[in-house]
C-alpha atoms as a PDB file:
ATOM      1  CA  MET A   1      87.297 -33.405  94.479  1.00  0.00           C
ATOM      2  CA  PHE A   2      86.702 -34.171  98.127  1.00  0.00           C
ATOM      3  CA  PRO A   3      83.188 -33.432  99.637  1.00  0.00           C
ATOM      4  CA  TRP A   4      84.453 -30.836 101.765  1.00  0.00           C
ATOM      5  CA  ARG A   5      86.152 -28.973  99.153  1.00  0.00           C
ATOM      6  CA  ILE A   6      82.854 -29.104  96.821  1.00  0.00           C
ATOM      7  CA  TYR A   7      81.005 -27.600 100.157  1.00  0.00           C
ATOM      8  CA  LYS A   8      83.764 -24.732 100.564  1.00  0.00           C
ATOM      9  CA  ILE A   9      83.537 -23.846  96.807  1.00  0.00           C
ATOM     10  CA  SER A  10      79.742 -23.826  97.040  1.00  0.00           C
ATOM     11  CA  GLN A  11      79.607 -21.777 100.442  1.00  0.00           C
ATOM     12  CA  ASN A  12      82.117 -19.078  98.728  1.00  0.00           C
ATOM     13  CA  LYS A  13      79.997 -18.922  95.652  1.00  0.00           C
ATOM     14  CA  ALA A  14      77.020 -18.287  97.947  1.00  0.00           C
ATOM     15  CA  ILE A  15      78.709 -15.528  99.988  1.00  0.00           C
ATOM     16  CA  GLU A  16      80.096 -13.814  96.856  1.00  0.00           C
ATOM     17  CA  ALA A  17      76.370 -13.707  95.382  1.00  0.00           C
ATOM     18  CA  TYR A  18      75.292 -12.261  98.880  1.00  0.00           C
ATOM     19  CA  ALA A  19      78.006  -9.496  98.629  1.00  0.00           C
ATOM     20  CA  VAL A  20      76.646  -8.768  94.976  1.00  0.00           C
ATOM     21  CA  ALA A  21      73.091  -8.663  96.046  1.00  0.00           C
ATOM     22  CA  VAL A  22      73.839  -6.001  98.425  1.00  0.00           C
ATOM     23  CA  THR A  23      75.824  -3.877  96.224  1.00  0.00           C
ATOM     24  CA  GLU A  24      73.261  -3.993  93.745  1.00  0.00           C
ATOM     25  CA  TYR A  25      70.361  -3.357  95.979  1.00  0.00           C
ATOM     26  CA  GLN A  26      72.317  -0.395  97.188  1.00  0.00           C
ATOM     27  CA  LYS A  27      72.782   1.071  93.286  1.00  0.00           C
ATOM     28  CA  GLY A  28      69.141   0.668  93.080  1.00  0.00           C
ATOM     29  CA  ASN A  29      69.574  -2.400  90.461  1.00  0.00           C
ATOM     30  CA  ILE A  30      66.409  -4.398  92.562  1.00  0.00           C
ATOM     31  CA  PRO A  31      65.964  -7.250  89.980  1.00  0.00           C
ATOM     32  CA  LYS A  32      69.519  -7.999  90.111  1.00  0.00           C
ATOM     33  CA  ALA A  33      69.763  -7.818  93.831  1.00  0.00           C
ATOM     34  CA  ILE A  34      66.807 -10.572  93.773  1.00  0.00           C
ATOM     35  CA  LYS A  35      68.453 -12.771  91.519  1.00  0.00           C
ATOM     36  CA  PHE A  36      71.835 -12.944  93.521  1.00  0.00           C
ATOM     37  CA  TRP A  37      70.062 -12.978  96.830  1.00  0.00           C
ATOM     38  CA  LYS A  38      68.040 -16.098  95.379  1.00  0.00           C
ATOM     39  CA  LYS A  39      71.140 -17.935  94.948  1.00  0.00           C
ATOM     40  CA  VAL A  40      71.872 -17.571  98.498  1.00  0.00           C
ATOM     41  CA  THR A  41      68.494 -18.451  99.564  1.00  0.00           C
ATOM     42  CA  GLY A  42      68.681 -21.478  97.509  1.00  0.00           C
ATOM     43  CA  ASN A  43      71.884 -22.706  98.748  1.00  0.00           C
ATOM     44  CA  GLN A  44      71.514 -25.561 101.010  1.00  0.00           C
ATOM     45  CA  SER A  45      75.251 -25.734 102.011  1.00  0.00           C
ATOM     46  CA  ILE A  46      75.373 -21.967 103.202  1.00  0.00           C
ATOM     47  CA  GLU A  47      75.242 -21.079 106.846  1.00  0.00           C
ATOM     48  CA  GLU A  48      71.693 -20.481 107.977  1.00  0.00           C
ATOM     49  CA  ARG A  49      72.383 -17.196 109.423  1.00  0.00           C
ATOM     50  CA  ILE A  50      73.498 -15.802 105.969  1.00  0.00           C
ATOM     51  CA  ARG A  51      70.536 -17.539 104.453  1.00  0.00           C
ATOM     52  CA  ALA A  52      68.081 -15.842 106.708  1.00  0.00           C
ATOM     53  CA  LYS A  53      69.868 -12.358 106.223  1.00  0.00           C
ATOM     54  CA  ALA A  54      69.284 -12.962 102.488  1.00  0.00           C
ATOM     55  CA  ASN A  55      65.788 -13.651 103.191  1.00  0.00           C
ATOM     56  CA  LEU A  56      65.625 -10.126 104.836  1.00  0.00           C
ATOM     57  CA  GLY A  57      67.341  -8.545 101.858  1.00  0.00           C
ATOM     58  CA  LEU A  58      64.802 -10.322  99.482  1.00  0.00           C
ATOM     59  CA  GLY A  59      61.923  -8.911 101.787  1.00  0.00           C
ATOM     60  CA  PHE A  60      63.299  -5.614 101.463  1.00  0.00           C
ATOM     61  CA  ALA A  61      63.872  -5.851  97.554  1.00  0.00           C
ATOM     62  CA  TYR A  62      60.306  -6.977  96.963  1.00  0.00           C
ATOM     63  CA  SER A  63      58.890  -4.244  99.103  1.00  0.00           C
ATOM     64  CA  LYS A  64      60.772  -1.860  96.833  1.00  0.00           C
ATOM     65  CA  LEU A  65      58.905  -3.506  94.045  1.00  0.00           C
ATOM     66  CA  ASP A  66      55.557  -3.610  95.847  1.00  0.00           C
ATOM     67  CA  LYS A  67      55.564  -7.034  95.829  1.00  0.00           C
ATOM     68  CA  TYR A  68      53.645  -7.422  99.145  1.00  0.00           C
ATOM     69  CA  LYS A  69      53.102 -11.423  98.921  1.00  0.00           C
ATOM     70  CA  GLU A  70      56.836 -12.396  98.148  1.00  0.00           C
ATOM     71  CA  ALA A  71      58.104  -9.548 100.662  1.00  0.00           C
ATOM     72  CA  LEU A  72      56.251 -11.161 103.319  1.00  0.00           C
ATOM     73  CA  SER A  73      57.058 -14.686 102.540  1.00  0.00           C
ATOM     74  CA  SER A  74      60.751 -13.630 102.505  1.00  0.00           C
ATOM     75  CA  PHE A  75      60.661 -12.057 105.743  1.00  0.00           C
ATOM     76  CA  LYS A  76      58.749 -15.003 107.312  1.00  0.00           C
ATOM     77  CA  ASP A  77      61.448 -17.591 105.730  1.00  0.00           C
ATOM     78  CA  ALA A  78      63.904 -15.422 107.640  1.00  0.00           C
ATOM     79  CA  LEU A  79      62.020 -15.446 111.069  1.00  0.00           C
ATOM     80  CA  ILE A  80      61.646 -19.396 110.819  1.00  0.00           C
ATOM     81  CA  ILE A  81      65.506 -19.516 110.474  1.00  0.00           C
ATOM     82  CA  PHE A  82      65.923 -16.943 113.426  1.00  0.00           C
ATOM     83  CA  GLN A  83      63.662 -19.180 115.441  1.00  0.00           C
ATOM     84  CA  LYS A  84      65.777 -22.427 114.729  1.00  0.00           C
ATOM     85  CA  LEU A  85      68.903 -20.555 115.908  1.00  0.00           C
ATOM     86  CA  LYS A  86      67.206 -19.395 118.916  1.00  0.00           C
ATOM     87  CA  ASP A  87      68.035 -15.613 117.983  1.00  0.00           C
ATOM     88  CA  GLU A  88      65.437 -13.803 119.925  1.00  0.00           C
ATOM     89  CA  LYS A  89      66.737 -10.113 118.857  1.00  0.00           C
ATOM     90  CA  ALA A  90      66.627 -11.296 115.281  1.00  0.00           C
ATOM     91  CA  GLN A  91      63.122 -12.713 115.532  1.00  0.00           C
ATOM     92  CA  ALA A  92      61.912  -9.289 117.030  1.00  0.00           C
ATOM     93  CA  GLU A  93      63.548  -7.479 114.122  1.00  0.00           C
ATOM     94  CA  SER A  94      61.976  -9.731 111.814  1.00  0.00           C
ATOM     95  CA  LEU A  95      58.743  -9.451 113.606  1.00  0.00           C
ATOM     96  CA  GLY A  96      58.842  -5.932 113.260  1.00  0.00           C
ATOM     97  CA  LEU A  97      59.390  -5.966 109.646  1.00  0.00           C
ATOM     98  CA  ILE A  98      56.313  -8.329 109.149  1.00  0.00           C
ATOM     99  CA  GLY A  99      54.267  -5.753 111.186  1.00  0.00           C
ATOM    100  CA  GLY A 100      55.222  -2.946 109.255  1.00  0.00           C
ATOM    101  CA  LEU A 101      54.528  -4.483 105.967  1.00  0.00           C
ATOM    102  CA  TYR A 102      50.961  -5.517 107.269  1.00  0.00           C
ATOM    103  CA  PHE A 103      50.520  -2.240 108.237  1.00  0.00           C
ATOM    104  CA  ARG A 104      51.238  -0.715 104.985  1.00  0.00           C
ATOM    105  CA  ASN A 105      49.026  -3.080 103.284  1.00  0.00           C
ATOM    106  CA  ASN A 106      46.308  -2.116 105.749  1.00  0.00           C
ATOM    107  CA  LEU A 107      46.298  -5.469 107.448  1.00  0.00           C
ATOM    108  CA  ILE A 108      45.972  -3.876 111.065  1.00  0.00           C
ATOM    109  CA  LYS A 109      45.030  -6.800 113.066  1.00  0.00           C
ATOM    110  CA  GLU A 110      47.803  -8.669 111.599  1.00  0.00           C
ATOM    111  CA  ALA A 111      50.288  -5.673 112.281  1.00  0.00           C
ATOM    112  CA  LEU A 112      49.268  -5.675 115.721  1.00  0.00           C
ATOM    113  CA  ASN A 113      49.884  -9.213 116.269  1.00  0.00           C
ATOM    114  CA  ALA A 114      53.018  -9.197 115.022  1.00  0.00           C
ATOM    115  CA  TYR A 115      54.330  -5.914 116.852  1.00  0.00           C
ATOM    116  CA  GLN A 116      52.885  -7.390 120.126  1.00  0.00           C
ATOM    117  CA  THR A 117      54.933 -10.637 119.564  1.00  0.00           C
ATOM    118  CA  ALA A 118      57.996  -8.428 118.959  1.00  0.00           C
ATOM    119  CA  LEU A 119      57.198  -6.542 121.905  1.00  0.00           C
ATOM    120  CA  PHE A 120      57.092  -9.511 124.199  1.00  0.00           C
ATOM    121  CA  ILE A 121      60.430 -10.651 123.101  1.00  0.00           C
ATOM    122  CA  CYS A 122      62.090  -7.169 123.496  1.00  0.00           C
ATOM    123  CA  ARG A 123      61.041  -7.178 126.964  1.00  0.00           C
ATOM    124  CA  LYS A 124      62.401 -10.872 127.410  1.00  0.00           C
ATOM    125  CA  ILE A 125      65.734  -9.832 126.258  1.00  0.00           C
ATOM    126  CA  LYS A 126      65.634  -6.506 127.859  1.00  0.00           C
ATOM    127  CA  ASN A 127      66.340  -4.686 124.669  1.00  0.00           C
ATOM    128  CA  LYS A 128      65.377  -1.210 125.285  1.00  0.00           C
ATOM    129  CA  GLU A 129      65.880   0.489 122.037  1.00  0.00           C
ATOM    130  CA  MET A 130      63.758  -2.107 120.093  1.00  0.00           C
ATOM    131  CA  GLU A 131      61.067  -2.141 122.935  1.00  0.00           C
ATOM    132  CA  ALA A 132      61.075   1.651 122.313  1.00  0.00           C
ATOM    133  CA  ASP A 133      60.993   1.040 118.545  1.00  0.00           C
ATOM    134  CA  ILE A 134      57.960  -1.349 118.972  1.00  0.00           C
ATOM    135  CA  LEU A 135      56.035   0.686 121.103  1.00  0.00           C
ATOM    136  CA  GLY A 136      56.148   3.698 118.576  1.00  0.00           C
ATOM    137  CA  ASP A 137      55.032   1.293 116.004  1.00  0.00           C
ATOM    138  CA  ILE A 138      52.084   0.322 117.750  1.00  0.00           C
ATOM    139  CA  GLY A 139      51.249   3.937 118.905  1.00  0.00           C
ATOM    140  CA  SER A 140      51.540   4.690 114.823  1.00  0.00           C
ATOM    141  CA  ILE A 141      48.804   2.040 114.522  1.00  0.00           C
ATOM    142  CA  LEU A 142      46.410   3.286 117.278  1.00  0.00           C
ATOM    143  CA  ASP A 143      46.845   6.915 115.991  1.00  0.00           C
ATOM    144  CA  PHE A 144      45.848   5.359 112.611  1.00  0.00           C
ATOM    145  CA  LEU A 145      42.633   3.829 114.251  1.00  0.00           C
ATOM    146  CA  ASP A 146      41.741   7.024 115.626  1.00  0.00           C
ATOM    147  CA  LYS A 147      42.497   5.974 119.251  1.00  0.00           C
ATOM    148  CA  TYR A 148      44.260   8.910 120.013  1.00  0.00           C
ATOM    149  CA  ASP A 149      44.506   8.410 123.961  1.00  0.00           C
ATOM    150  CA  ASP A 150      45.996   4.904 123.523  1.00  0.00           C
ATOM    151  CA  ALA A 151      48.421   6.250 120.800  1.00  0.00           C
ATOM    152  CA  ILE A 152      49.358   8.940 123.218  1.00  0.00           C
ATOM    153  CA  ASP A 153      50.200   6.290 125.810  1.00  0.00           C
ATOM    154  CA  PHE A 154      52.413   4.379 123.678  1.00  0.00           C
ATOM    155  CA  PHE A 155      54.283   7.342 122.275  1.00  0.00           C
ATOM    156  CA  THR A 156      54.874   8.651 125.871  1.00  0.00           C
ATOM    157  CA  ARG A 157      56.241   5.500 127.058  1.00  0.00           C
ATOM    158  CA  ALA A 158      58.598   5.182 124.031  1.00  0.00           C
ATOM    159  CA  LEU A 159      59.923   8.738 124.510  1.00  0.00           C
ATOM    160  CA  LYS A 160      60.666   7.770 128.230  1.00  0.00           C
ATOM    161  CA  ILE A 161      62.981   4.881 126.836  1.00  0.00           C
ATOM    162  CA  TYR A 162      64.902   6.914 124.088  1.00  0.00           C
ATOM    163  CA  ARG A 163      65.467   9.695 126.477  1.00  0.00           C
ATOM    164  CA  LYS A 164      67.127   7.243 128.835  1.00  0.00           C
ATOM    165  CA  ILE A 165      69.452   6.056 125.931  1.00  0.00           C
ATOM    166  CA  PRO A 166      72.802   7.959 125.797  1.00  0.00           C
ATOM    167  CA  ARG A 167      73.737   7.441 122.353  1.00  0.00           C
ATOM    168  CA  ARG A 168      72.925   8.755 118.889  1.00  0.00           C
ATOM    169  CA  LYS A 169      70.325   6.375 118.430  1.00  0.00           C
ATOM    170  CA  GLY A 170      68.294   7.502 121.416  1.00  0.00           C
ATOM    171  CA  LYS A 171      68.177  11.013 120.026  1.00  0.00           C
ATOM    172  CA  ARG A 172      66.978  10.174 116.715  1.00  0.00           C
ATOM    173  CA  GLY A 173      64.298   8.045 118.293  1.00  0.00           C
ATOM    174  CA  GLU A 174      63.431  10.978 120.699  1.00  0.00           C
ATOM    175  CA  GLY A 175      63.079  13.404 117.839  1.00  0.00           C
ATOM    176  CA  ARG A 176      60.848  10.674 115.785  1.00  0.00           C
ATOM    177  CA  THR A 177      58.830  10.021 118.746  1.00  0.00           C
ATOM    178  CA  LEU A 178      58.243  13.764 119.476  1.00  0.00           C
ATOM    179  CA  TYR A 179      56.800  14.026 116.090  1.00  0.00           C
ATOM    180  CA  ASP A 180      54.633  11.012 116.296  1.00  0.00           C
ATOM    181  CA  LEU A 181      53.549  12.388 119.984  1.00  0.00           C
ATOM    182  CA  GLY A 182      52.717  15.888 118.420  1.00  0.00           C
ATOM    183  CA  LEU A 183      50.830  14.342 115.638  1.00  0.00           C
ATOM    184  CA  ALA A 184      48.566  12.192 117.968  1.00  0.00           C
ATOM    185  CA  LEU A 185      48.138  15.445 120.122  1.00  0.00           C
ATOM    186  CA  PHE A 186      46.929  17.582 117.053  1.00  0.00           C
ATOM    187  CA  HIS A 187      44.511  14.588 116.086  1.00  0.00           C
ATOM    188  CA  ALA A 188      43.157  14.703 119.639  1.00  0.00           C
ATOM    189  CA  ASN A 189      42.696  18.392 119.324  1.00  0.00           C
ATOM    190  CA  LYS A 190      45.324  19.346 122.008  1.00  0.00           C
ATOM    191  CA  LEU A 191      46.688  21.925 119.852  1.00  0.00           C
ATOM    192  CA  GLU A 192      49.344  23.805 122.144  1.00  0.00           C
ATOM    193  CA  GLY A 193      50.829  20.449 123.390  1.00  0.00           C
ATOM    194  CA  ALA A 194      50.967  19.422 119.825  1.00  0.00           C
ATOM    195  CA  ARG A 195      52.924  22.304 118.765  1.00  0.00           C
ATOM    196  CA  SER A 196      55.123  22.259 121.588  1.00  0.00           C
ATOM    197  CA  HIS A 197      56.182  18.793 120.893  1.00  0.00           C
ATOM    198  CA  LEU A 198      56.709  19.206 117.258  1.00  0.00           C
ATOM    199  CA  GLU A 199      58.900  22.358 117.807  1.00  0.00           C
ATOM    200  CA  LYS A 200      61.085  20.249 120.091  1.00  0.00           C
ATOM    201  CA  SER A 201      61.148  17.666 117.335  1.00  0.00           C
ATOM    202  CA  ILE A 202      62.042  19.980 114.419  1.00  0.00           C
ATOM    203  CA  ARG A 203      65.113  20.918 116.469  1.00  0.00           C
ATOM    204  CA  LEU A 204      66.480  17.664 117.031  1.00  0.00           C
ATOM    205  CA  MET A 205      65.478  16.585 113.172  1.00  0.00           C
ATOM    206  CA  LYS A 206      67.734  19.457 111.974  1.00  0.00           C
ATOM    207  CA  LYS A 207      70.581  18.441 114.539  1.00  0.00           C
ATOM    208  CA  ASN A 208      70.345  14.959 113.256  1.00  0.00           C
ATOM    209  CA  ASN A 209      70.072  16.193 109.378  1.00  0.00           C
ATOM    210  CA  ASP A 210      66.710  14.238 108.988  1.00  0.00           C
ATOM    211  CA  LYS A 211      65.195  16.133 106.214  1.00  0.00           C
ATOM    212  CA  LYS A 212      62.086  14.074 105.814  1.00  0.00           C
ATOM    213  CA  GLY A 213      61.444  14.377 109.759  1.00  0.00           C
ATOM    214  CA  GLU A 214      61.402  18.225 109.114  1.00  0.00           C
ATOM    215  CA  ALA A 215      59.238  17.913 106.333  1.00  0.00           C
ATOM    216  CA  ASN A 216      56.875  15.747 108.079  1.00  0.00           C
ATOM    217  CA  CYS A 217      56.946  18.240 111.053  1.00  0.00           C
ATOM    218  CA  ASN A 218      56.472  21.335 108.612  1.00  0.00           C
ATOM    219  CA  VAL A 219      52.984  19.514 107.483  1.00  0.00           C
ATOM    220  CA  THR A 220      51.577  19.004 111.004  1.00  0.00           C
ATOM    221  CA  LEU A 221      52.535  22.529 112.009  1.00  0.00           C
ATOM    222  CA  ALA A 222      50.852  23.831 108.876  1.00  0.00           C
ATOM    223  CA  ASP A 223      47.699  21.600 109.888  1.00  0.00           C
ATOM    224  CA  ILE A 224      47.886  23.192 113.442  1.00  0.00           C
ATOM    225  CA  HIS A 225      47.992  26.693 111.875  1.00  0.00           C
ATOM    226  CA  LEU A 226      45.267  25.757 109.459  1.00  0.00           C
ATOM    227  CA  GLU A 227      43.047  24.669 112.331  1.00  0.00           C
ATOM    228  CA  LEU A 228      43.762  28.321 113.891  1.00  0.00           C
ATOM    229  CA  LYS A 229      42.604  29.814 110.794  1.00  0.00           C
ATOM    230  CA  GLU A 230      46.076  31.064 110.017  1.00  0.00           C
ATOM    231  CA  THR A 231      45.876  29.848 106.300  1.00  0.00           C
ATOM    232  CA  GLU A 232      48.756  32.163 105.181  1.00  0.00           C
ATOM    233  CA  ILE A 233      51.321  30.760 107.886  1.00  0.00           C
ATOM    234  CA  ALA A 234      49.920  27.359 107.035  1.00  0.00           C
ATOM    235  CA  GLU A 235      50.312  27.392 103.459  1.00  0.00           C
ATOM    236  CA  LYS A 236      53.951  28.727 104.046  1.00  0.00           C
ATOM    237  CA  TYR A 237      54.593  25.308 106.009  1.00  0.00           C
ATOM    238  CA  TYR A 238      53.040  23.098 103.569  1.00  0.00           C
ATOM    239  CA  ASN A 239      55.081  24.603 100.654  1.00  0.00           C
ATOM    240  CA  GLN A 240      58.396  24.055 102.428  1.00  0.00           C
ATOM    241  CA  ALA A 241      57.334  20.248 102.978  1.00  0.00           C
ATOM    242  CA  LEU A 242      56.053  19.862  99.602  1.00  0.00           C
ATOM    243  CA  LYS A 243      59.543  21.072  98.181  1.00  0.00           C
ATOM    244  CA  TYR A 244      61.166  18.078 100.052  1.00  0.00           C
ATOM    245  CA  PHE A 245      58.440  15.517  99.247  1.00  0.00           C
ATOM    246  CA  GLN A 246      58.593  16.368  95.407  1.00  0.00           C
ATOM    247  CA  SER A 247      62.409  16.178  95.255  1.00  0.00           C
ATOM    248  CA  HIS A 248      62.214  12.664  96.753  1.00  0.00           C
ATOM    249  CA  LYS A 249      58.985  11.715  95.199  1.00  0.00           C
ATOM    250  CA  ASN A 250      57.316  10.812  98.342  1.00  0.00           C
ATOM    251  CA  ILE A 251      53.826  10.099  97.242  1.00  0.00           C
ATOM    252  CA  LEU A 252      52.421  10.058 100.846  1.00  0.00           C
ATOM    253  CA  GLY A 253      53.931  13.383 101.971  1.00  0.00           C
ATOM    254  CA  ILE A 254      52.800  15.035  98.497  1.00  0.00           C
ATOM    255  CA  ILE A 255      49.274  13.569  99.378  1.00  0.00           C
ATOM    256  CA  ASN A 256      49.217  15.182 102.736  1.00  0.00           C
ATOM    257  CA  CYS A 257      50.140  18.638 101.287  1.00  0.00           C
ATOM    258  CA  GLU A 258      47.663  18.693  98.569  1.00  0.00           C
ATOM    259  CA  ILE A 259      45.310  17.637 101.372  1.00  0.00           C
ATOM    260  CA  GLY A 260      46.212  20.733 103.335  1.00  0.00           C
ATOM    261  CA  PHE A 261      46.038  22.988 100.352  1.00  0.00           C
ATOM    262  CA  GLY A 262      42.577  21.680  99.464  1.00  0.00           C
ATOM    263  CA  LYS A 263      41.352  22.636 103.075  1.00  0.00           C
ATOM    264  CA  ILE A 264      42.839  26.041 102.548  1.00  0.00           C
ATOM    265  CA  ILE A 265      40.999  26.413  99.220  1.00  0.00           C
ATOM    266  CA  PHE A 266      37.446  25.234 100.823  1.00  0.00           C
ATOM    267  CA  GLU A 267      38.090  27.797 103.722  1.00  0.00           C
ATOM    268  CA  ARG A 268      38.702  30.608 101.234  1.00  0.00           C
ATOM    269  CA  GLY A 269      35.283  29.721  99.784  1.00  0.00           C
ATOM    270  CA  ASP A 270      36.350  28.335  96.359  1.00  0.00           C
ATOM    271  CA  PHE A 271      34.144  25.148  96.302  1.00  0.00           C
ATOM    272  CA  ILE A 272      34.722  24.379  92.358  1.00  0.00           C
ATOM    273  CA  GLN A 273      38.711  24.621  92.983  1.00  0.00           C
ATOM    274  CA  ALA A 274      38.473  22.725  96.168  1.00  0.00           C
ATOM    275  CA  LYS A 275      36.464  19.866  94.580  1.00  0.00           C
ATOM    276  CA  ASP A 276      39.142  19.493  91.615  1.00  0.00           C
ATOM    277  CA  LYS A 277      41.759  19.422  94.505  1.00  0.00           C
ATOM    278  CA  PHE A 278      40.132  16.740  96.384  1.00  0.00           C
ATOM    279  CA  GLU A 279      39.533  14.913  93.299  1.00  0.00           C
ATOM    280  CA  GLU A 280      43.003  14.854  92.672  1.00  0.00           C
ATOM    281  CA  VAL A 281      44.114  13.911  96.173  1.00  0.00           C
ATOM    282  CA  LEU A 282      41.345  10.901  95.904  1.00  0.00           C
ATOM    283  CA  ARG A 283      43.114   9.590  92.638  1.00  0.00           C
ATOM    284  CA  LEU A 284      46.546   9.912  94.031  1.00  0.00           C
ATOM    285  CA  ALA A 285      45.638   8.059  97.293  1.00  0.00           C
ATOM    286  CA  THR A 286      43.716   5.390  95.156  1.00  0.00           C
ATOM    287  CA  GLU A 287      46.672   4.718  92.786  1.00  0.00           C
ATOM    288  CA  ALA A 288      49.046   4.703  96.078  1.00  0.00           C
ATOM    289  CA  ASN A 289      46.481   2.507  97.999  1.00  0.00           C
ATOM    290  CA  TYR A 290      46.443   4.701 101.045  1.00  0.00           C
ATOM    291  CA  LEU A 291      42.756   3.907 102.057  1.00  0.00           C
ATOM    292  CA  LYS A 292      42.435   6.112 104.968  1.00  0.00           C
ATOM    293  CA  LEU A 293      43.534   9.223 102.664  1.00  0.00           C
ATOM    294  CA  GLN A 294      40.922   8.035 100.161  1.00  0.00           C
ATOM    295  CA  ALA A 295      38.387   8.183 102.971  1.00  0.00           C
ATOM    296  CA  THR A 296      39.610  11.759 103.912  1.00  0.00           C
ATOM    297  CA  ALA A 297      39.259  12.899 100.340  1.00  0.00           C
ATOM    298  CA  LEU A 298      35.869  11.327 100.014  1.00  0.00           C
ATOM    299  CA  LEU A 299      34.797  13.015 103.303  1.00  0.00           C
ATOM    300  CA  PHE A 300      35.731  16.514 102.060  1.00  0.00           C
ATOM    301  CA  LEU A 301      34.289  16.010  98.752  1.00  0.00           C
ATOM    302  CA  SER A 302      31.072  15.186 100.467  1.00  0.00           C
ATOM    303  CA  LYS A 303      31.343  18.458 102.411  1.00  0.00           C
ATOM    304  CA  ILE A 304      32.017  20.210  99.189  1.00  0.00           C
ATOM    305  CA  TYR A 305      29.097  18.705  97.447  1.00  0.00           C
ATOM    306  CA  ASN A 306      26.628  20.159 100.238  1.00  0.00           C
ATOM    307  CA  GLN A 307      28.198  23.346  99.825  1.00  0.00           C
ATOM    308  CA  LEU A 308      27.272  23.074  95.932  1.00  0.00           C
ATOM    309  CA  ASP A 309      23.709  21.711  96.603  1.00  0.00           C
ATOM    310  CA  ASN A 310      24.507  18.346  95.259  1.00  0.00           C
ATOM    311  CA  ALA A 311      22.867  16.231  98.107  1.00  0.00           C
ATOM    312  CA  LYS A 312      23.135  13.157  95.677  1.00  0.00           C
ATOM    313  CA  GLU A 313      27.002  13.406  95.308  1.00  0.00           C
ATOM    314  CA  ALA A 314      27.530  14.302  99.139  1.00  0.00           C
ATOM    315  CA  GLU A 315      25.657  11.320 100.203  1.00  0.00           C
ATOM    316  CA  ASN A 316      27.569   8.941  97.501  1.00  0.00           C
ATOM    317  CA  SER A 317      30.990  10.269  98.735  1.00  0.00           C
ATOM    318  CA  ASP A 318      30.006   9.876 102.330  1.00  0.00           C
ATOM    319  CA  LYS A 319      29.011   6.284 101.973  1.00  0.00           C
ATOM    320  CA  LYS A 320      32.228   5.487 100.237  1.00  0.00           C
ATOM    321  CA  ALA A 321      34.159   6.918 102.773  1.00  0.00           C
ATOM    322  CA  ASN A 322      31.956   5.149 105.639  1.00  0.00           C
ATOM    323  CA  LYS A 323      32.661   1.822 103.747  1.00  0.00           C
ATOM    324  CA  ILE A 324      36.564   2.287 103.704  1.00  0.00           C
ATOM    325  CA  LEU A 325      36.757   3.193 107.507  1.00  0.00           C
ATOM    326  CA  LYS A 326      34.510   0.350 108.547  1.00  0.00           C
ATOM    327  CA  ASP A 327      36.917  -1.991 106.640  1.00  0.00           C
ATOM    328  CA  LEU A 328      39.752  -0.523 108.441  1.00  0.00           C
ATOM    329  CA  GLY A 329      38.130  -0.676 111.943  1.00  0.00           C
ATOM    330  CA  ILE A 330      37.383   3.254 112.137  1.00  0.00           C
ATOM    331  CA  LYS A 331      33.944   4.392 113.168  1.00  0.00           C
ATOM    332  CA  LEU A 332      32.989   7.190 110.908  1.00  0.00           C
ATOM    333  CA  GLU A 333      31.686   9.412 113.976  1.00  0.00           C
ATOM    334  CA  GLU A 334      35.309   9.265 115.377  1.00  0.00           C
ATOM    335  CA  ALA A 335      37.457   9.908 111.936  1.00  0.00           C
ATOM    336  CA  SER A 336      39.041  13.257 111.444  1.00  0.00           C
END
């Protein structure tokens, strides 16, 4: 058989394997998707761009299985290929994925570096949609670090860009960024501005049938009503959000709702029940590796132990929270 014929057969098999991997991933059969994407990435005769896309697929699949190192390696392999191909748009997209992976695994400096490089490329190639996406991603990290004024600035810049994009993508981005901006304003204790942005956001979420976005808005609206001591209204919003998060097994959303319920119980003066609630929050946050939420639970447990006249446990919880926040680059006196 002629060499070109062998090459053609090998390439066709790799393309077939790629198609099978995509189908299996969509069906939720992640191990099988990984198996077939590996057949593509290991095939030296396949076109480089297809191999890069297979690496991206592997990254998504490994992320689904919480295999951080394997996911990061796959995304980086894709990035290297896109750099060889001089495909700057694909490079920025890959860096955005890498940044998100770093952020989800609490590697804040690395996440910021990846996002900033992606932002530079987006501006270089004048891709406004991607620029807005990355500005929002950086804003989320700044909000996470309790640098609220900086976060508000980044979200505001992203929002201006989305509003100039005349397609559905722009409207979806606008709705999401209005939520992010509302959340940052709430964290900065600017309650009226926060509520205004969230109400605009939830209208866009409904138009776009974004149920997860609606649920996130409901949580923050609940937080605002709780801050205003309107506990019954807050409880209603938390319950609406929790219904969605439980049905979709969204652990982060569930934890945020449970924190809200714990605060309500604390406000009502039932400190024993509040302690039980925040111990459950701490367990969930620890299992899911949400470090800042672990610190939030510990800070509330410290308050509760003070109310229960248990100074030793209050100090112990406070020290644990302080250490987590310090490791994340957040000063305790600035933390909410």
